[in-house]
Amino acid sequence: MADLNAAFEAAVAQSKNLSERPDNGTLLKIYALYKQGTAGDNTEKKPGFSDMVGRAKWDAWNNLKGTAQDAAQQQYIDLIASLS
């Protein structure tokens, strides 16, 4: 477990130094996996229609509902590794 957390923290740090900016769909996936990996299932209130960015982020995170935090962290690590 400690190894996964260390690898996850390293991937978070690495995500800030990617050579090029990922497309919006990939950025949403990174955000959603990070939130699922750190906070678990989305329990926040859904943003209104006027907040398009917030709504897209909420939807991306909510689509991962039921995914274990460990699994989300591993997917995050794998995704960041594939982008580096």
C-alpha atoms as a PDB file:
ATOM      1  CA  MET A   1       0.000   0.000   0.000  1.00  0.00           C
ATOM      2  CA  ALA A   2       2.812   2.408   0.880  1.00  0.00           C
ATOM      3  CA  ASP A   3       4.433   1.635  -2.480  1.00  0.00           C
ATOM      4  CA  LEU A   4       1.233   2.514  -4.333  1.00  0.00           C
ATOM      5  CA  ASN A   5       0.866   5.777  -2.409  1.00  0.00           C
ATOM      6  CA  ALA A   6       4.496   6.691  -3.096  1.00  0.00           C
ATOM      7  CA  ALA A   7       4.096   5.886  -6.797  1.00  0.00           C
ATOM      8  CA  PHE A   8       0.846   7.880  -6.895  1.00  0.00           C
ATOM      9  CA  GLU A   9       2.490  10.916  -5.274  1.00  0.00           C
ATOM     10  CA  ALA A  10       5.385  10.641  -7.740  1.00  0.00           C
ATOM     11  CA  ALA A  11       2.918  10.491 -10.650  1.00  0.00           C
ATOM     12  CA  VAL A  12       1.098  13.575  -9.310  1.00  0.00           C
ATOM     13  CA  ALA A  13       4.407  15.448  -9.233  1.00  0.00           C
ATOM     14  CA  GLN A  14       5.284  14.143 -12.700  1.00  0.00           C
ATOM     15  CA  SER A  15       1.886  15.263 -14.077  1.00  0.00           C
ATOM     16  CA  LYS A  16       2.875  18.881 -13.442  1.00  0.00           C
ATOM     17  CA  ASN A  17       5.937  18.515 -15.680  1.00  0.00           C
ATOM     18  CA  LEU A  18       4.565  16.798 -18.786  1.00  0.00           C
ATOM     19  CA  SER A  19       6.387  17.768 -21.981  1.00  0.00           C
ATOM     20  CA  GLU A  20       3.148  18.839 -23.662  1.00  0.00           C
ATOM     21  CA  ARG A  21      -0.350  19.671 -22.489  1.00  0.00           C
ATOM     22  CA  PRO A  22      -2.781  16.753 -22.911  1.00  0.00           C
ATOM     23  CA  ASP A  23      -6.079  17.254 -24.758  1.00  0.00           C
ATOM     24  CA  ASN A  24      -9.164  18.205 -22.749  1.00  0.00           C
ATOM     25  CA  GLY A  25     -10.531  14.655 -22.647  1.00  0.00           C
ATOM     26  CA  THR A  26      -7.275  13.364 -21.186  1.00  0.00           C
ATOM     27  CA  LEU A  27      -7.143  16.245 -18.703  1.00  0.00           C
ATOM     28  CA  LEU A  28     -10.645  15.326 -17.505  1.00  0.00           C
ATOM     29  CA  LYS A  29      -9.575  11.694 -17.102  1.00  0.00           C
ATOM     30  CA  ILE A  30      -6.493  12.788 -15.106  1.00  0.00           C
ATOM     31  CA  TYR A  31      -8.689  14.983 -12.892  1.00  0.00           C
ATOM     32  CA  ALA A  32     -11.299  12.275 -12.360  1.00  0.00           C
ATOM     33  CA  LEU A  33      -8.746   9.580 -11.522  1.00  0.00           C
ATOM     34  CA  TYR A  34      -6.984  11.939  -9.113  1.00  0.00           C
ATOM     35  CA  LYS A  35     -10.235  12.804  -7.328  1.00  0.00           C
ATOM     36  CA  GLN A  36     -11.357   9.158  -7.191  1.00  0.00           C
ATOM     37  CA  GLY A  37      -7.911   8.100  -5.981  1.00  0.00           C
ATOM     38  CA  THR A  38      -7.774  10.697  -3.214  1.00  0.00           C
ATOM     39  CA  ALA A  39     -11.403  11.334  -2.194  1.00  0.00           C
ATOM     40  CA  GLY A  40     -13.286   8.240  -3.358  1.00  0.00           C
ATOM     41  CA  ASP A  41     -16.778   8.396  -4.848  1.00  0.00           C
ATOM     42  CA  ASN A  42     -18.155  11.795  -5.824  1.00  0.00           C
ATOM     43  CA  THR A  43     -20.612  13.066  -3.212  1.00  0.00           C
ATOM     44  CA  GLU A  44     -20.539  16.728  -4.224  1.00  0.00           C
ATOM     45  CA  LYS A  45     -23.518  18.625  -5.610  1.00  0.00           C
ATOM     46  CA  LYS A  46     -23.672  18.729  -9.413  1.00  0.00           C
ATOM     47  CA  PRO A  47     -22.796  22.200 -10.783  1.00  0.00           C
ATOM     48  CA  GLY A  48     -25.419  24.107 -12.750  1.00  0.00           C
ATOM     49  CA  PHE A  49     -25.575  24.437 -16.534  1.00  0.00           C
ATOM     50  CA  SER A  50     -23.761  27.787 -16.484  1.00  0.00           C
ATOM     51  CA  ASP A  51     -20.609  26.167 -15.022  1.00  0.00           C
ATOM     52  CA  MET A  52     -19.603  24.068 -18.027  1.00  0.00           C
ATOM     53  CA  VAL A  53     -16.070  23.290 -16.821  1.00  0.00           C
ATOM     54  CA  GLY A  54     -17.215  22.371 -13.325  1.00  0.00           C
ATOM     55  CA  ARG A  55     -19.979  20.220 -14.772  1.00  0.00           C
ATOM     56  CA  ALA A  56     -17.576  18.382 -17.103  1.00  0.00           C
ATOM     57  CA  LYS A  57     -15.214  17.709 -14.190  1.00  0.00           C
ATOM     58  CA  TRP A  58     -18.086  16.557 -11.978  1.00  0.00           C
ATOM     59  CA  ASP A  59     -19.385  14.213 -14.705  1.00  0.00           C
ATOM     60  CA  ALA A  60     -15.914  12.748 -15.357  1.00  0.00           C
ATOM     61  CA  TRP A  61     -15.414  12.065 -11.646  1.00  0.00           C
ATOM     62  CA  ASN A  62     -18.947  10.746 -11.166  1.00  0.00           C
ATOM     63  CA  ASN A  63     -18.429   8.255 -14.025  1.00  0.00           C
ATOM     64  CA  LEU A  64     -15.796   6.535 -11.858  1.00  0.00           C
ATOM     65  CA  LYS A  65     -18.246   5.921  -9.009  1.00  0.00           C
ATOM     66  CA  GLY A  66     -17.639   2.486  -7.531  1.00  0.00           C
ATOM     67  CA  THR A  67     -13.986   2.349  -8.619  1.00  0.00           C
ATOM     68  CA  ALA A  68     -11.743   1.475  -5.675  1.00  0.00           C
ATOM     69  CA  GLN A  69      -9.315   4.205  -4.646  1.00  0.00           C
ATOM     70  CA  ASP A  70      -6.343   1.850  -5.137  1.00  0.00           C
ATOM     71  CA  ALA A  71      -7.516   0.992  -8.654  1.00  0.00           C
ATOM     72  CA  ALA A  72      -8.011   4.675  -9.501  1.00  0.00           C
ATOM     73  CA  GLN A  73      -4.529   5.493  -8.206  1.00  0.00           C
ATOM     74  CA  GLN A  74      -3.005   2.724 -10.324  1.00  0.00           C
ATOM     75  CA  GLN A  75      -4.902   3.913 -13.423  1.00  0.00           C
ATOM     76  CA  TYR A  76      -3.668   7.462 -12.723  1.00  0.00           C
ATOM     77  CA  ILE A  77      -0.064   6.229 -12.442  1.00  0.00           C
ATOM     78  CA  ASP A  78      -0.387   4.276 -15.698  1.00  0.00           C
ATOM     79  CA  LEU A  79      -1.975   7.216 -17.543  1.00  0.00           C
ATOM     80  CA  ILE A  80       0.704   9.696 -16.446  1.00  0.00           C
ATOM     81  CA  ALA A  81       3.427   7.177 -17.375  1.00  0.00           C
ATOM     82  CA  SER A  82       1.919   6.816 -20.860  1.00  0.00           C
ATOM     83  CA  LEU A  83       1.947  10.609 -21.326  1.00  0.00           C
ATOM     84  CA  SER A  84       5.564  11.070 -20.195  1.00  0.00           C
END
